[in-house]
Every structure is written in structure tokens, then in C-alpha cells.
């Protein structure tokens, strides 16, 4: 054990609260870990008194504030999602917060490729023709030869680039700071107008809320496609709607602000929009992939090491 860590001390096993039977099965294979199933904050098992790790339900699951007062030994909140925005401001000092980075990047990158293909090859129009019993033959655009700017140079961005290359398209990455093979965010105004599509895959933070605003969109080239696979509040919805209605830009959104979209929201009728209800990472095998990362992070904790995906608690 590393004596610099806040949970240093002798113990037999680490008790981990998990939300489903799959979690129990996977974490039962991790040395030094005892997984315990829970269902709700008001019905915690007796083992919660000594639980050091909480694994919240995927996406719209558990509000950690409902658990904190009932988990006196809590030292780590281990997420099953890559996004930590719902947790980062409510997990108290002294409790680490780790994401599931690496679990859903491939699935979300796959969605982004599919969304671009759907727009360029006009699949929605062909499906509308089928439903109307209309043989709507027409030529389409193609993903081949397109240049995509990927704003966000983490796992998801890298997964997207790997999947894009076989389509004979190219991509460049933008990260928080410039480094080898990655542009810095300060370069965006000069970069945006050079690309056929812009994929946004940044985490939701105080710095990225509203990042894709009217100025950002105005820098994109005419006819370009904005793809948001990050979080809805990263994009200024009113500014995007204005560009879509004007017909200057197109968009593919898996996330929106607000979410879910209320009845009558202008995005429902916006032209040039491909929209899905936050499903990019929700596909076959997502739980197994998530628990593979969770098991690795919890194993590190049980060995007295810091989890690799920490966003809070870098002691």
C-alpha cells in the first residue's frame, strides 16, 4: 500500500457497492474485492457501512448525494460512463472520482461515422421515400475525401480517427493544449473553416459549456456538418438552430440542450439535422465493456494505487 494515499491501512477486502448482477459477477473475480449489490439509497445493504467504493448506475442512474450520508467509509466513486459532469461538484473532498474512459469511445466513434454516412449518403431521404412508396433515385455526396476536425483528443477522438481512415477520409485532432499531432484550442478560429465536418467530443466542464457558440459556428465553412457526441450544453442550441434554418450548416446530434427535447422544440423541425436520443454508447456489450474498465480501476484501488481515470482526488 502507498502510505501517501488517504485510505492507507490494513484490511482484508475492499467492499464495493454495485448496481446489478453483472457487476457482482465481474468484480467477484478481482482479488481483494467484495462486491455487494444495492438497489436504492434508501434500501442499502448492511455492508454499506464499510463500503469504500460506489459504482453508480450507467448514465441516468444514482445521484451520489443520496448515498454520501449513508456511506461513512466511502473513498471512491467509480463511474460507468466517461462523462463526470453530474458528479464532479457533489462528490466531497476526500472522495476520489474516476470515470470509465476507454469503455464507450469505440461505440460513440461508430455512431459518429454512421451519422456522417447517413447525412452524406442521404439515407434519411431514401427511408422517407420507402415509407412513401416512392422510388427516389438521386445521386448523393460521399464521406470519401472529406476532412474532419475532431475537437477533443482523448480516447473517443482517437477511436474516431482510427475508424474514419478506412473510408479514405482524413481527420485532425484538437486538444486543450497543442502537442505532437494535436492542435491547441487556441487554433480553432483558424482551423474551423478548413474542414468539411467538425466532431465535438470534449467533456462538459465550465470551460466547454457553450463553447460551440455563434462565433464558433460562423467560422465553419458553408455546408459543413457539426457532429456533437459530447454533451448538449457544449453547443449553443439557439445559434445552431439559426444556422440550420438558414441552410448554411448541417448537424448530427446525439445530445441536446435541453435533453430530452420537449414537444415543440425547434430542433424537432430543423432542416439538415440528423438526431438520435443519446444512444451513441448504448449498444450491445456496453455494460461488459464498462465493467472491464471498472474492474481495472477498482483493482488498482484495492492494490493501494490511484485509479488511472481520476478526475477528482489526485492526491
Protein backbone atom coordinates (compact mmCIF):
# COMPACT_ATOMS: atom_id res chain seq x y z
CA UNK A 1 0.00 0.00 0.00
CA UNK A 2 1.12 3.53 -0.73
CA UNK A 3 1.16 5.40 2.62
CA UNK A 4 0.55 8.69 0.79
CA UNK A 5 -2.96 7.61 -0.14
CA UNK A 6 -5.85 8.64 2.17
CA UNK A 7 -7.10 5.08 2.58
CA UNK A 8 -3.76 3.60 3.68
CA UNK A 9 -4.13 0.91 6.28
CA UNK A 10 -4.54 -2.81 6.81
CA UNK A 11 -7.75 -4.51 5.63
CA UNK A 12 -8.87 -7.85 4.28
CA UNK A 13 -11.01 -6.83 1.32
CA UNK A 14 -12.50 -3.72 -0.25
CA UNK A 15 -16.30 -3.61 -0.23
CA UNK A 16 -17.72 -2.23 -3.47
CA UNK A 17 -21.40 -1.33 -3.99
CA UNK A 18 -22.55 -2.28 -7.49
CA UNK A 19 -25.97 -1.70 -9.13
CA UNK A 20 -26.50 -5.03 -10.93
CA UNK A 21 -25.70 -8.74 -11.00
CA UNK A 22 -23.22 -8.34 -13.85
CA UNK A 23 -21.17 -6.05 -11.65
CA UNK A 24 -21.24 -8.61 -8.87
CA UNK A 25 -20.00 -11.34 -11.21
CA UNK A 26 -17.23 -9.27 -12.78
CA UNK A 27 -15.90 -7.74 -9.57
CA UNK A 28 -16.04 -11.08 -7.77
CA UNK A 29 -13.06 -12.02 -9.94
CA UNK A 30 -10.97 -9.06 -8.72
CA UNK A 31 -8.54 -10.01 -5.93
CA UNK A 32 -9.15 -8.20 -2.67
CA UNK A 33 -12.64 -7.01 -3.64
CA UNK A 34 -16.06 -7.95 -2.24
CA UNK A 35 -18.89 -6.66 -4.48
CA UNK A 36 -22.26 -6.04 -2.85
CA UNK A 37 -25.48 -5.47 -4.78
CA UNK A 38 -27.59 -2.39 -3.99
CA UNK A 39 -30.88 -1.15 -5.43
CA UNK A 40 -31.51 2.31 -3.98
CA UNK A 41 -30.11 4.80 -1.47
CA UNK A 42 -32.99 4.21 0.94
CA UNK A 43 -32.52 0.44 0.87
CA UNK A 44 -28.77 -0.06 1.20
CA UNK A 45 -27.48 -3.42 2.42
CA UNK A 46 -25.76 -3.65 5.85
CA UNK A 47 -22.38 -3.87 4.10
CA UNK A 48 -22.78 -0.21 3.06
CA UNK A 49 -21.34 0.83 6.42
CA UNK A 50 -17.92 -0.39 5.30
CA UNK A 51 -18.22 0.21 1.54
CA UNK A 52 -15.24 2.15 0.22
CA UNK A 53 -16.30 2.20 -3.44
CA UNK A 54 -19.62 3.12 -5.08
CA UNK A 55 -20.37 2.25 -8.70
CA UNK A 56 -23.40 4.34 -9.77
CA UNK A 57 -25.79 3.12 -12.43
CA UNK A 58 -24.93 3.90 -16.06
CA UNK A 59 -25.93 7.36 -17.31
CA UNK A 60 -29.15 8.50 -15.64
CA UNK A 61 -28.84 6.43 -12.52
CA UNK A 62 -27.93 7.32 -8.99
CA UNK A 63 -27.43 10.82 -7.63
CA UNK A 64 -24.39 10.36 -5.38
CA UNK A 65 -25.74 12.89 -2.89
CA UNK A 66 -28.40 10.36 -1.93
CA UNK A 67 -25.64 7.99 -0.81
CA UNK A 68 -23.00 10.15 0.83
CA UNK A 69 -24.55 10.36 4.29
CA UNK A 70 -25.11 6.59 4.28
CA UNK A 71 -21.58 5.61 3.22
CA UNK A 72 -19.24 6.68 6.02
CA UNK A 73 -16.29 4.69 4.61
CA UNK A 74 -16.66 5.89 1.01
CA UNK A 75 -13.35 6.73 -0.67
CA UNK A 76 -14.02 6.27 -4.40
CA UNK A 77 -16.94 6.84 -6.78
CA UNK A 78 -16.22 4.77 -9.89
CA UNK A 79 -18.40 5.74 -12.84
CA UNK A 80 -19.61 3.53 -15.69
CA UNK A 81 -19.64 6.50 -18.08
CA UNK A 82 -16.88 8.70 -19.46
CA UNK A 83 -18.74 11.89 -18.53
CA UNK A 84 -18.38 13.07 -14.93
CA UNK A 85 -20.33 16.34 -15.02
CA UNK A 86 -23.18 15.07 -12.80
CA UNK A 87 -20.76 14.02 -10.10
CA UNK A 88 -17.74 16.29 -10.03
CA UNK A 89 -19.36 19.05 -7.97
CA UNK A 90 -21.18 16.82 -5.47
CA UNK A 91 -18.53 14.26 -4.53
CA UNK A 92 -16.95 15.70 -1.35
CA UNK A 93 -13.32 16.35 -0.61
CA UNK A 94 -11.54 13.18 0.42
CA UNK A 95 -13.54 11.02 -2.00
CA UNK A 96 -11.98 10.20 -5.36
CA UNK A 97 -13.94 10.23 -8.62
CA UNK A 98 -12.90 8.08 -11.56
CA UNK A 99 -14.50 7.77 -14.99
CA UNK A 100 -14.98 4.85 -17.36
CA UNK A 101 -12.79 6.37 -20.06
CA UNK A 102 -11.99 3.78 -22.70
CA UNK A 103 -15.21 1.78 -22.40
CA UNK A 104 -17.57 3.64 -24.73
CA UNK A 105 -15.23 5.52 -27.08
CA UNK A 106 -15.42 2.87 -29.79
CA UNK A 107 -19.22 2.75 -29.77
CA UNK A 108 -19.57 6.52 -29.84
CA UNK A 109 -17.00 6.82 -32.63
CA UNK A 110 -19.00 4.23 -34.55
CA UNK A 111 -22.13 6.37 -34.10
CA UNK A 112 -20.28 9.44 -35.41
CA UNK A 113 -19.15 7.56 -38.52
CA UNK A 114 -22.71 6.30 -39.05
CA UNK A 115 -24.16 9.78 -38.63
CA UNK A 116 -21.79 11.24 -41.21
CA UNK A 117 -22.57 8.41 -43.63
CA UNK A 118 -26.31 8.93 -43.11
CA UNK A 119 -26.02 12.62 -43.97
CA UNK A 120 -23.58 12.34 -46.87
CA UNK A 121 -25.35 9.37 -48.47
CA UNK A 122 -28.81 10.85 -47.74
CA UNK A 123 -30.12 7.73 -46.00
CA UNK A 124 -32.98 9.56 -44.20
CA UNK A 125 -34.36 10.79 -47.53
CA UNK A 126 -34.21 7.31 -49.03
CA UNK A 127 -36.01 5.90 -45.98
CA UNK A 128 -38.67 8.60 -46.29
CA UNK A 129 -39.08 7.60 -49.93
CA UNK A 130 -39.52 3.97 -48.97
CA UNK A 131 -42.19 4.84 -46.40
CA UNK A 132 -43.99 6.92 -49.05
CA UNK A 133 -43.65 4.06 -51.59
CA UNK A 134 -41.63 6.43 -53.79
CA UNK A 135 -38.57 5.38 -55.85
CA UNK A 136 -36.48 8.47 -55.05
CA UNK A 137 -33.39 7.91 -57.17
CA UNK A 138 -30.78 10.65 -56.81
CA UNK A 139 -27.01 10.95 -56.52
CA UNK A 140 -25.54 11.78 -53.11
CA UNK A 141 -22.41 13.14 -51.55
CA UNK A 142 -19.75 10.81 -50.09
CA UNK A 143 -17.58 10.55 -47.00
CA UNK A 144 -14.59 9.79 -49.22
CA UNK A 145 -12.12 12.64 -49.37
CA UNK A 146 -13.75 14.60 -46.56
CA UNK A 147 -11.67 16.35 -43.88
CA UNK A 148 -12.97 16.15 -40.29
CA UNK A 149 -11.78 18.31 -37.40
CA UNK A 150 -12.09 16.42 -34.10
CA UNK A 151 -12.39 18.75 -31.11
CA UNK A 152 -11.32 16.54 -28.23
CA UNK A 153 -8.13 14.49 -28.38
CA UNK A 154 -8.91 11.79 -25.83
CA UNK A 155 -9.91 8.16 -26.28
CA UNK A 156 -13.06 8.94 -28.26
CA UNK A 157 -11.29 11.26 -30.67
CA UNK A 158 -8.55 8.72 -31.31
CA UNK A 159 -11.11 5.94 -31.78
CA UNK A 160 -12.92 8.07 -34.35
CA UNK A 161 -9.78 8.78 -36.36
CA UNK A 162 -8.95 5.07 -36.47
CA UNK A 163 -12.41 4.26 -37.85
CA UNK A 164 -12.51 7.16 -40.30
CA UNK A 165 -9.30 6.34 -42.14
CA UNK A 166 -10.63 3.25 -44.00
CA UNK A 167 -13.26 5.48 -45.61
CA UNK A 168 -10.49 7.39 -47.41
CA UNK A 169 -11.27 10.45 -45.31
CA UNK A 170 -8.88 12.33 -43.02
CA UNK A 171 -9.03 13.93 -39.60
CA UNK A 172 -7.04 16.26 -37.38
CA UNK A 173 -7.29 16.45 -33.59
CA UNK A 174 -7.69 19.47 -31.33
CA UNK A 175 -6.84 19.20 -27.64
CA UNK A 176 -6.82 21.54 -24.70
CA UNK A 177 -3.17 22.32 -25.40
CA UNK A 178 -1.08 21.74 -28.51
CA UNK A 179 1.27 18.76 -28.68
CA UNK A 180 2.73 16.49 -31.32
CA UNK A 181 -0.04 15.64 -33.78
CA UNK A 182 -2.65 17.68 -31.87
CA UNK A 183 -3.70 21.31 -32.38
CA UNK A 184 -4.44 23.56 -29.41
CA UNK A 185 -7.88 25.03 -28.71
CA UNK A 186 -6.49 28.49 -29.40
CA UNK A 187 -6.09 27.47 -33.04
CA UNK A 188 -9.80 26.76 -33.57
CA UNK A 189 -10.76 30.08 -35.25
CA UNK A 190 -8.16 29.45 -37.94
CA UNK A 191 -8.92 25.75 -38.32
CA UNK A 192 -12.71 25.56 -38.47
CA UNK A 193 -13.12 26.92 -41.99
CA UNK A 194 -10.80 24.31 -43.50
CA UNK A 195 -12.88 21.22 -42.66
CA UNK A 196 -15.97 19.58 -44.11
CA UNK A 197 -17.18 18.36 -40.71
CA UNK A 198 -16.41 19.16 -37.06
CA UNK A 199 -16.84 16.44 -34.45
CA UNK A 200 -17.12 17.65 -30.85
CA UNK A 201 -16.13 15.11 -28.18
CA UNK A 202 -14.96 17.27 -25.28
CA UNK A 203 -16.01 16.67 -21.65
CA UNK A 204 -18.62 19.01 -20.19
CA UNK A 205 -16.84 21.49 -17.93
CA UNK A 206 -17.17 25.16 -17.05
CA UNK A 207 -14.76 25.84 -19.93
CA UNK A 208 -16.72 23.90 -22.56
CA UNK A 209 -20.31 24.94 -21.74
CA UNK A 210 -21.44 26.99 -24.75
CA UNK A 211 -18.09 26.52 -26.49
CA UNK A 212 -19.82 25.90 -29.82
CA UNK A 213 -21.46 29.32 -29.98
CA UNK A 214 -22.48 31.62 -32.82
CA UNK A 215 -18.86 32.72 -33.39
CA UNK A 216 -17.62 29.11 -33.50
CA UNK A 217 -20.34 28.15 -35.98
CA UNK A 218 -19.74 31.21 -38.14
CA UNK A 219 -16.13 30.09 -38.61
CA UNK A 220 -17.22 26.76 -40.11
CA UNK A 221 -17.28 26.52 -43.90
CA UNK A 222 -20.58 26.71 -45.80
CA UNK A 223 -22.27 23.31 -45.98
CA UNK A 224 -20.15 21.82 -43.19
CA UNK A 225 -21.57 19.35 -40.67
CA UNK A 226 -21.39 19.82 -36.91
CA UNK A 227 -21.40 16.49 -35.05
CA UNK A 228 -21.99 16.65 -31.29
CA UNK A 229 -21.19 13.43 -29.45
CA UNK A 230 -20.16 15.24 -26.27
CA UNK A 231 -22.94 16.79 -24.15
CA UNK A 232 -25.80 19.04 -25.14
CA UNK A 233 -24.73 22.19 -23.24
CA UNK A 234 -21.44 22.28 -25.17
CA UNK A 235 -23.45 23.69 -28.11
CA UNK A 236 -25.47 26.92 -28.08
CA UNK A 237 -28.74 25.44 -29.31
CA UNK A 238 -30.26 28.74 -30.49
CA UNK A 239 -27.15 29.57 -32.51
CA UNK A 240 -27.16 26.13 -34.11
CA UNK A 241 -30.87 26.31 -34.96
CA UNK A 242 -30.28 29.65 -36.65
CA UNK A 243 -27.56 28.13 -38.87
CA UNK A 244 -29.71 25.10 -39.70
CA UNK A 245 -32.76 27.17 -40.58
CA UNK A 246 -30.60 29.39 -42.78
CA UNK A 247 -29.39 26.25 -44.54
CA UNK A 248 -25.71 27.19 -44.17
CA UNK A 249 -24.74 24.29 -41.90
CA UNK A 250 -25.93 20.76 -41.23
CA UNK A 251 -25.67 18.83 -37.98
CA UNK A 252 -25.74 15.40 -36.36
CA UNK A 253 -26.66 15.40 -32.67
CA UNK A 254 -26.78 12.54 -30.21
CA UNK A 255 -27.11 15.00 -27.33
CA UNK A 256 -29.14 18.19 -26.96
CA UNK A 257 -29.82 21.06 -24.62
CA UNK A 258 -32.37 20.58 -23.16
CA UNK A 259 -32.50 16.80 -23.02
CA UNK A 260 -34.80 15.12 -23.73
CA UNK A 261 -36.21 17.62 -26.20
CA UNK A 262 -39.62 18.95 -25.15
CA UNK A 263 -42.57 18.90 -27.50
CA UNK A 264 -42.47 21.82 -29.90
CA UNK A 265 -38.74 22.48 -29.60
CA UNK A 266 -37.34 23.98 -32.83
CA UNK A 267 -34.77 21.21 -33.22
CA UNK A 268 -37.55 18.73 -33.99
CA UNK A 269 -38.32 20.54 -37.25
CA UNK A 270 -34.86 21.94 -38.05
CA UNK A 271 -33.70 21.17 -41.60
CA UNK A 272 -30.41 19.45 -42.25
CA UNK A 273 -30.39 17.66 -38.88
CA UNK A 274 -29.73 14.01 -38.04
CA UNK A 275 -30.88 13.44 -34.45
CA UNK A 276 -30.66 10.46 -32.09
CA UNK A 277 -31.74 10.32 -28.40
CA UNK A 278 -28.36 9.99 -26.60
CA UNK A 279 -27.75 6.42 -27.74
CA UNK A 280 -24.21 6.58 -29.14
CA UNK A 281 -22.78 4.48 -26.32
CA UNK A 282 -25.93 2.44 -25.67
CA UNK A 283 -25.43 -0.71 -27.70
CA UNK A 284 -24.80 -4.41 -27.33
CA UNK A 285 -21.98 -5.15 -24.91
CA UNK A 286 -21.79 -1.65 -23.39
CA UNK A 287 -22.17 -2.95 -19.83
CA UNK A 288 -19.48 -5.60 -20.30
CA UNK A 289 -17.09 -3.03 -21.73
CA UNK A 290 -17.84 -0.65 -18.88
CA UNK A 291 -17.29 -3.26 -16.20
CA UNK A 292 -13.97 -4.25 -17.75
CA UNK A 293 -12.76 -0.70 -17.09
CA UNK A 294 -14.46 -0.57 -13.69
CA UNK A 295 -12.76 -3.81 -12.66
CA UNK A 296 -9.37 -2.45 -13.71
CA UNK A 297 -9.87 0.79 -11.77
CA UNK A 298 -11.17 -0.96 -8.65
CA UNK A 299 -8.29 -3.45 -8.81
CA UNK A 300 -5.83 -0.56 -8.77
CA UNK A 301 -7.57 0.92 -5.74
CA UNK A 302 -7.56 -2.44 -3.94
CA UNK A 303 -3.79 -2.67 -4.52
CA UNK A 304 -3.32 0.74 -2.94
CA UNK A 305 -2.77 2.52 -6.28
CA UNK A 306 -4.55 5.53 -7.69
CA UNK A 307 -7.17 4.76 -10.37
CA UNK A 308 -5.98 5.63 -13.88
CA UNK A 309 -9.08 7.66 -14.84
CA UNK A 310 -9.19 10.08 -11.89
CA UNK A 311 -10.92 13.40 -12.42
CA UNK A 312 -11.11 14.20 -8.70
CA UNK A 313 -8.80 13.19 -5.90
CA UNK A 314 -5.36 13.49 -7.44
CA UNK A 315 -3.59 13.27 -4.10
